[in-house]
N, C-alpha and C. Protein backbone atom coordinates (compact mmCIF):
# COMPACT_ATOMS: atom_id res chain seq x y z
N MET A 1 -14.11 11.40 1.78
CA MET A 1 -13.11 10.52 1.16
C MET A 1 -11.73 10.98 1.62
N ILE A 2 -10.93 10.03 1.97
CA ILE A 2 -9.55 10.29 2.37
C ILE A 2 -8.63 9.48 1.46
N THR A 3 -7.51 10.07 1.07
CA THR A 3 -6.58 9.39 0.19
C THR A 3 -5.19 9.37 0.83
N GLY A 4 -4.37 8.46 0.34
CA GLY A 4 -3.02 8.38 0.87
C GLY A 4 -2.11 7.60 -0.05
N LEU A 5 -0.84 7.67 0.27
CA LEU A 5 0.18 6.91 -0.43
C LEU A 5 0.82 5.98 0.58
N VAL A 6 0.97 4.72 0.22
CA VAL A 6 1.63 3.76 1.08
C VAL A 6 2.93 3.35 0.40
N LEU A 7 4.04 3.67 1.04
CA LEU A 7 5.36 3.28 0.55
C LEU A 7 5.62 1.87 1.07
N ILE A 8 5.97 0.96 0.18
CA ILE A 8 6.07 -0.45 0.54
C ILE A 8 7.44 -1.00 0.20
N ARG A 9 8.06 -1.65 1.17
CA ARG A 9 9.31 -2.38 0.95
C ARG A 9 8.97 -3.86 0.90
N LEU A 10 9.46 -4.55 -0.14
CA LEU A 10 9.14 -5.97 -0.33
C LEU A 10 10.28 -6.87 0.11
N ALA A 11 9.92 -8.06 0.54
CA ALA A 11 10.92 -9.08 0.82
C ALA A 11 11.46 -9.60 -0.50
N SER A 12 12.72 -9.89 -0.55
CA SER A 12 13.35 -10.36 -1.77
C SER A 12 12.81 -11.72 -2.21
N GLY A 13 12.57 -11.84 -3.52
CA GLY A 13 12.15 -13.10 -4.08
C GLY A 13 10.65 -13.33 -4.16
N ARG A 14 9.84 -12.42 -3.60
CA ARG A 14 8.39 -12.60 -3.60
C ARG A 14 7.67 -11.46 -4.31
N GLU A 15 8.40 -10.70 -5.09
CA GLU A 15 7.85 -9.47 -5.64
C GLU A 15 6.59 -9.68 -6.49
N LYS A 16 6.63 -10.58 -7.45
CA LYS A 16 5.48 -10.75 -8.37
C LYS A 16 4.23 -11.19 -7.64
N LEU A 17 4.35 -12.19 -6.78
CA LEU A 17 3.19 -12.69 -6.04
C LEU A 17 2.64 -11.62 -5.11
N THR A 18 3.53 -10.89 -4.45
CA THR A 18 3.10 -9.84 -3.53
C THR A 18 2.37 -8.74 -4.28
N MET A 19 2.90 -8.32 -5.42
CA MET A 19 2.26 -7.27 -6.22
C MET A 19 0.87 -7.71 -6.68
N THR A 20 0.73 -8.96 -7.08
CA THR A 20 -0.57 -9.48 -7.51
C THR A 20 -1.57 -9.40 -6.38
N LYS A 21 -1.17 -9.80 -5.18
CA LYS A 21 -2.07 -9.77 -4.02
C LYS A 21 -2.44 -8.34 -3.63
N LEU A 22 -1.48 -7.43 -3.70
CA LEU A 22 -1.75 -6.04 -3.34
C LEU A 22 -2.75 -5.40 -4.30
N LYS A 23 -2.68 -5.72 -5.58
CA LYS A 23 -3.61 -5.16 -6.57
C LYS A 23 -5.05 -5.58 -6.31
N GLU A 24 -5.24 -6.70 -5.63
CA GLU A 24 -6.58 -7.23 -5.36
C GLU A 24 -7.25 -6.58 -4.15
N ILE A 25 -6.53 -5.81 -3.37
CA ILE A 25 -7.08 -5.24 -2.14
C ILE A 25 -8.03 -4.09 -2.46
N LYS A 26 -9.23 -4.17 -1.90
CA LYS A 26 -10.21 -3.08 -2.05
C LYS A 26 -9.66 -1.86 -1.32
N GLY A 27 -9.60 -0.75 -2.01
CA GLY A 27 -9.04 0.47 -1.44
C GLY A 27 -7.73 0.86 -2.09
N VAL A 28 -7.05 -0.10 -2.72
CA VAL A 28 -5.82 0.21 -3.47
C VAL A 28 -6.26 0.60 -4.88
N SER A 29 -6.11 1.89 -5.21
CA SER A 29 -6.58 2.36 -6.51
C SER A 29 -5.50 2.30 -7.59
N HIS A 30 -4.23 2.32 -7.18
CA HIS A 30 -3.13 2.27 -8.14
C HIS A 30 -1.88 1.77 -7.44
N LEU A 31 -1.06 1.03 -8.16
CA LEU A 31 0.18 0.50 -7.61
C LEU A 31 1.32 0.79 -8.59
N SER A 32 2.40 1.42 -8.11
CA SER A 32 3.53 1.76 -8.95
C SER A 32 4.81 1.16 -8.39
N ALA A 33 5.62 0.56 -9.26
CA ALA A 33 6.95 0.10 -8.87
C ALA A 33 7.89 1.30 -8.95
N VAL A 34 8.75 1.46 -7.94
CA VAL A 34 9.68 2.58 -7.89
C VAL A 34 11.08 2.08 -7.52
N PHE A 35 12.06 2.93 -7.71
CA PHE A 35 13.43 2.62 -7.34
C PHE A 35 13.81 3.46 -6.13
N GLY A 36 14.68 2.94 -5.30
CA GLY A 36 15.14 3.68 -4.13
C GLY A 36 14.92 2.86 -2.87
N ARG A 37 14.66 3.55 -1.77
CA ARG A 37 14.45 2.88 -0.47
C ARG A 37 13.20 2.02 -0.46
N TRP A 38 12.23 2.36 -1.27
CA TRP A 38 10.96 1.64 -1.33
C TRP A 38 10.84 0.94 -2.67
N ASP A 39 10.03 -0.11 -2.71
CA ASP A 39 9.85 -0.89 -3.93
C ASP A 39 8.55 -0.55 -4.66
N LEU A 40 7.52 -0.21 -3.89
CA LEU A 40 6.21 0.09 -4.46
C LEU A 40 5.60 1.31 -3.79
N VAL A 41 4.72 1.99 -4.52
CA VAL A 41 3.88 3.03 -3.94
C VAL A 41 2.44 2.67 -4.29
N ALA A 42 1.61 2.52 -3.26
CA ALA A 42 0.19 2.22 -3.47
C ALA A 42 -0.62 3.48 -3.19
N ASP A 43 -1.47 3.86 -4.14
CA ASP A 43 -2.44 4.93 -3.91
C ASP A 43 -3.65 4.26 -3.28
N ILE A 44 -4.09 4.80 -2.14
CA ILE A 44 -5.24 4.20 -1.48
C ILE A 44 -6.33 5.24 -1.26
N GLU A 45 -7.56 4.76 -1.24
CA GLU A 45 -8.73 5.60 -1.00
C GLU A 45 -9.60 4.91 0.03
N ALA A 46 -10.12 5.69 0.97
CA ALA A 46 -11.00 5.15 2.00
C ALA A 46 -12.02 6.21 2.40
N SER A 47 -13.08 5.78 3.03
CA SER A 47 -14.12 6.72 3.43
C SER A 47 -13.70 7.58 4.61
N ASP A 48 -12.82 7.06 5.47
CA ASP A 48 -12.35 7.80 6.64
C ASP A 48 -11.01 7.24 7.10
N LEU A 49 -10.40 7.89 8.09
CA LEU A 49 -9.08 7.50 8.57
C LEU A 49 -9.09 6.10 9.20
N HIS A 50 -10.16 5.76 9.90
CA HIS A 50 -10.27 4.43 10.51
C HIS A 50 -10.25 3.34 9.43
N THR A 51 -10.99 3.55 8.36
CA THR A 51 -11.01 2.58 7.26
C THR A 51 -9.65 2.50 6.59
N MET A 52 -8.98 3.66 6.41
CA MET A 52 -7.65 3.66 5.81
C MET A 52 -6.68 2.85 6.68
N THR A 53 -6.78 3.01 7.99
CA THR A 53 -5.93 2.26 8.91
C THR A 53 -6.16 0.76 8.74
N ASN A 54 -7.42 0.35 8.60
CA ASN A 54 -7.73 -1.06 8.40
C ASN A 54 -7.15 -1.59 7.09
N VAL A 55 -7.18 -0.78 6.04
CA VAL A 55 -6.62 -1.19 4.75
C VAL A 55 -5.11 -1.40 4.88
N VAL A 56 -4.44 -0.45 5.51
CA VAL A 56 -2.97 -0.53 5.62
C VAL A 56 -2.55 -1.64 6.57
N VAL A 57 -3.07 -1.60 7.79
CA VAL A 57 -2.63 -2.55 8.82
C VAL A 57 -3.22 -3.93 8.61
N GLY A 58 -4.52 -3.98 8.34
CA GLY A 58 -5.19 -5.27 8.25
C GLY A 58 -5.05 -6.00 6.93
N LYS A 59 -4.81 -5.25 5.86
CA LYS A 59 -4.75 -5.88 4.54
C LYS A 59 -3.37 -5.79 3.89
N ILE A 60 -2.84 -4.58 3.71
CA ILE A 60 -1.56 -4.43 3.02
C ILE A 60 -0.44 -5.10 3.80
N ARG A 61 -0.32 -4.79 5.08
CA ARG A 61 0.77 -5.37 5.89
C ARG A 61 0.62 -6.87 6.09
N ALA A 62 -0.59 -7.38 5.89
CA ALA A 62 -0.83 -8.82 6.07
C ALA A 62 -0.42 -9.66 4.86
N VAL A 63 -0.15 -9.01 3.74
CA VAL A 63 0.24 -9.75 2.52
C VAL A 63 1.64 -10.32 2.69
N PRO A 64 1.79 -11.62 2.50
CA PRO A 64 3.14 -12.20 2.57
C PRO A 64 4.07 -11.54 1.56
N GLY A 65 5.25 -11.17 2.01
CA GLY A 65 6.21 -10.50 1.15
C GLY A 65 6.32 -9.01 1.40
N VAL A 66 5.36 -8.43 2.14
CA VAL A 66 5.47 -7.02 2.52
C VAL A 66 6.36 -6.95 3.75
N ALA A 67 7.53 -6.32 3.60
CA ALA A 67 8.49 -6.24 4.70
C ALA A 67 8.21 -5.05 5.62
N SER A 68 7.85 -3.90 5.03
CA SER A 68 7.54 -2.71 5.83
C SER A 68 6.77 -1.71 4.98
N THR A 69 6.10 -0.79 5.68
CA THR A 69 5.33 0.25 5.00
C THR A 69 5.51 1.58 5.72
N GLU A 70 5.22 2.65 4.98
CA GLU A 70 5.11 4.00 5.56
C GLU A 70 3.94 4.65 4.84
N THR A 71 3.00 5.20 5.60
CA THR A 71 1.80 5.76 5.02
C THR A 71 1.84 7.28 5.07
N LEU A 72 1.52 7.89 3.94
CA LEU A 72 1.44 9.34 3.83
C LEU A 72 -0.01 9.70 3.50
N VAL A 73 -0.70 10.33 4.44
CA VAL A 73 -2.08 10.77 4.21
C VAL A 73 -2.01 12.03 3.39
N THR A 74 -2.78 12.09 2.31
CA THR A 74 -2.71 13.23 1.39
C THR A 74 -3.90 14.15 1.59
N THR A 75 -3.72 15.39 1.17
CA THR A 75 -4.77 16.38 1.22
C THR A 75 -4.67 17.30 -0.01
N ALA A 76 -5.79 17.79 -0.45
CA ALA A 76 -5.79 18.70 -1.59
C ALA A 76 -5.40 20.10 -1.11
N ILE A 77 -4.61 20.81 -1.92
CA ILE A 77 -4.23 22.18 -1.57
C ILE A 77 -4.58 23.12 -2.69
């Protein structure tokens, strides 16, 4: 299992619809609204790095209203 955080910047005016769509994506375990350079932080879980890449690039970035993302792969210490 691999986990990560996806920092998401939203396009103005589409926040509610975009958040609803993001919550429906398989692999997104939690979604938090934040203040600052980013609008949302998505906790994601995947079986491997290839699957995580598909979730971020193929699903999260494909949602209308997602302006940009930055992915942080996490590890237990």
